[in-house]
Amino acid sequence: MVMGKKTVGVKKRLAKFLKANRRPPLWVTLKTKRRVVTSPARRFWRHNKLKV
């Protein structure tokens, strides 16, 4: 998977998925009294593959 062989649209989508793969900020966890701890968009690269 070389990035030079990908189109610009695929790269933009991959960057979007990469940004979404972060944990929610700490202030969200504090504000919701630990009700929100994980993000539904989280994924591990070995378990879930993207359909880009």
N, C-alpha and C. Protein backbone atom coordinates (compact mmCIF):
# COMPACT_ATOMS: atom_id res chain seq x y z
N MET A 1 0.84 -1.19 0.00
CA MET A 1 0.00 0.00 0.00
C MET A 1 0.89 1.25 0.00
N VAL A 2 1.30 1.63 -1.17
CA VAL A 2 2.14 2.80 -1.31
C VAL A 2 1.24 4.01 -1.55
N MET A 3 1.52 5.11 -0.85
CA MET A 3 0.66 6.28 -0.96
C MET A 3 0.77 6.95 -2.33
N GLY A 4 1.88 6.74 -3.03
CA GLY A 4 2.03 7.34 -4.35
C GLY A 4 1.08 6.77 -5.39
N LYS A 5 0.57 5.57 -5.15
CA LYS A 5 -0.34 4.94 -6.10
C LYS A 5 -1.80 5.23 -5.81
N LYS A 6 -2.08 5.98 -4.74
CA LYS A 6 -3.46 6.28 -4.38
C LYS A 6 -3.90 7.61 -4.98
N THR A 7 -5.19 7.72 -5.26
CA THR A 7 -5.71 8.98 -5.77
C THR A 7 -5.90 9.96 -4.62
N VAL A 8 -6.13 11.21 -4.97
CA VAL A 8 -6.27 12.25 -3.96
C VAL A 8 -7.52 12.00 -3.10
N GLY A 9 -8.60 11.53 -3.72
CA GLY A 9 -9.82 11.28 -2.97
C GLY A 9 -9.65 10.20 -1.93
N VAL A 10 -8.92 9.14 -2.27
CA VAL A 10 -8.68 8.05 -1.33
C VAL A 10 -7.82 8.55 -0.18
N LYS A 11 -6.82 9.37 -0.48
CA LYS A 11 -5.95 9.92 0.56
C LYS A 11 -6.73 10.81 1.52
N LYS A 12 -7.66 11.60 0.96
CA LYS A 12 -8.47 12.47 1.82
C LYS A 12 -9.38 11.65 2.73
N ARG A 13 -9.93 10.57 2.19
CA ARG A 13 -10.79 9.71 3.01
C ARG A 13 -9.98 9.01 4.10
N LEU A 14 -8.78 8.56 3.75
CA LEU A 14 -7.93 7.92 4.75
C LEU A 14 -7.55 8.91 5.85
N ALA A 15 -7.28 10.16 5.49
CA ALA A 15 -6.95 11.18 6.48
C ALA A 15 -8.14 11.45 7.39
N LYS A 16 -9.35 11.43 6.82
CA LYS A 16 -10.56 11.64 7.62
C LYS A 16 -10.74 10.50 8.62
N PHE A 17 -10.52 9.25 8.18
CA PHE A 17 -10.63 8.12 9.08
C PHE A 17 -9.55 8.17 10.16
N LEU A 18 -8.38 8.66 9.79
CA LEU A 18 -7.28 8.75 10.76
C LEU A 18 -7.61 9.77 11.85
N LYS A 19 -8.22 10.90 11.45
CA LYS A 19 -8.59 11.91 12.43
C LYS A 19 -9.72 11.42 13.33
N ALA A 20 -10.62 10.61 12.78
CA ALA A 20 -11.74 10.10 13.56
C ALA A 20 -11.33 8.98 14.51
N ASN A 21 -10.14 8.45 14.33
CA ASN A 21 -9.70 7.29 15.12
C ASN A 21 -9.04 7.71 16.43
N ARG A 22 -9.36 8.88 16.93
CA ARG A 22 -8.80 9.34 18.19
C ARG A 22 -9.84 9.19 19.30
N ARG A 23 -9.36 9.18 20.52
CA ARG A 23 -10.27 9.12 21.67
C ARG A 23 -10.95 10.47 21.85
N PRO A 24 -12.10 10.51 22.50
CA PRO A 24 -12.74 11.81 22.77
C PRO A 24 -11.90 12.61 23.76
N PRO A 25 -11.97 13.93 23.71
CA PRO A 25 -11.16 14.74 24.63
C PRO A 25 -11.55 14.49 26.09
N LEU A 26 -10.61 14.79 26.97
CA LEU A 26 -10.84 14.53 28.39
C LEU A 26 -11.97 15.39 28.95
N TRP A 27 -12.11 16.60 28.42
CA TRP A 27 -13.15 17.47 28.97
C TRP A 27 -14.54 16.91 28.70
N VAL A 28 -14.70 16.12 27.62
CA VAL A 28 -15.99 15.48 27.34
C VAL A 28 -16.28 14.42 28.40
N THR A 29 -15.25 13.65 28.75
CA THR A 29 -15.41 12.62 29.78
C THR A 29 -15.77 13.26 31.12
N LEU A 30 -15.13 14.37 31.45
CA LEU A 30 -15.41 15.04 32.71
C LEU A 30 -16.80 15.67 32.71
N LYS A 31 -17.18 16.26 31.59
CA LYS A 31 -18.47 16.95 31.52
C LYS A 31 -19.63 15.97 31.61
N THR A 32 -19.47 14.77 31.04
CA THR A 32 -20.56 13.79 31.04
C THR A 32 -20.46 12.83 32.23
N LYS A 33 -19.59 13.13 33.18
CA LYS A 33 -19.39 12.29 34.37
C LYS A 33 -19.09 10.84 33.99
N ARG A 34 -18.17 10.68 33.06
CA ARG A 34 -17.67 9.38 32.57
C ARG A 34 -18.71 8.54 31.86
N ARG A 35 -19.79 9.16 31.43
CA ARG A 35 -20.77 8.43 30.63
C ARG A 35 -20.21 8.19 29.23
N VAL A 36 -19.50 9.17 28.70
CA VAL A 36 -18.86 9.04 27.39
C VAL A 36 -17.38 8.78 27.64
N VAL A 37 -16.93 7.56 27.40
CA VAL A 37 -15.53 7.22 27.59
C VAL A 37 -14.89 6.82 26.26
N THR A 38 -15.63 6.06 25.46
CA THR A 38 -15.08 5.62 24.19
C THR A 38 -15.81 6.30 23.03
N SER A 39 -15.18 6.28 21.89
CA SER A 39 -15.76 6.86 20.69
C SER A 39 -16.28 5.74 19.80
N PRO A 40 -17.47 5.90 19.19
CA PRO A 40 -17.98 4.84 18.32
C PRO A 40 -17.18 4.70 17.02
N ALA A 41 -16.38 5.70 16.68
CA ALA A 41 -15.60 5.64 15.45
C ALA A 41 -14.23 4.99 15.65
N ARG A 42 -13.91 4.57 16.87
CA ARG A 42 -12.61 3.97 17.12
C ARG A 42 -12.50 2.63 16.41
N ARG A 43 -11.31 2.34 15.89
CA ARG A 43 -11.09 1.05 15.25
C ARG A 43 -9.62 0.71 15.34
N PHE A 44 -9.34 -0.58 15.39
CA PHE A 44 -7.97 -1.08 15.42
C PHE A 44 -7.65 -1.61 14.03
N TRP A 45 -6.49 -1.30 13.53
CA TRP A 45 -6.17 -1.58 12.12
C TRP A 45 -6.16 -3.07 11.81
N ARG A 46 -5.95 -3.92 12.81
CA ARG A 46 -5.94 -5.35 12.55
C ARG A 46 -7.33 -5.94 12.57
N HIS A 47 -8.24 -5.36 13.35
CA HIS A 47 -9.57 -5.96 13.55
C HIS A 47 -10.57 -5.51 12.48
N ASN A 48 -10.66 -4.21 12.24
CA ASN A 48 -11.67 -3.69 11.32
C ASN A 48 -10.97 -3.02 10.13
N LYS A 49 -11.29 -3.45 8.94
CA LYS A 49 -10.72 -2.86 7.74
C LYS A 49 -11.67 -1.80 7.18
N LEU A 50 -11.09 -0.78 6.56
CA LEU A 50 -11.88 0.31 5.99
C LEU A 50 -12.32 -0.05 4.59
N LYS A 51 -13.49 0.44 4.22
CA LYS A 51 -13.95 0.33 2.84
C LYS A 51 -13.78 1.71 2.21
N VAL A 52 -12.56 1.97 1.74
CA VAL A 52 -12.25 3.31 1.21
C VAL A 52 -12.60 3.39 -0.25
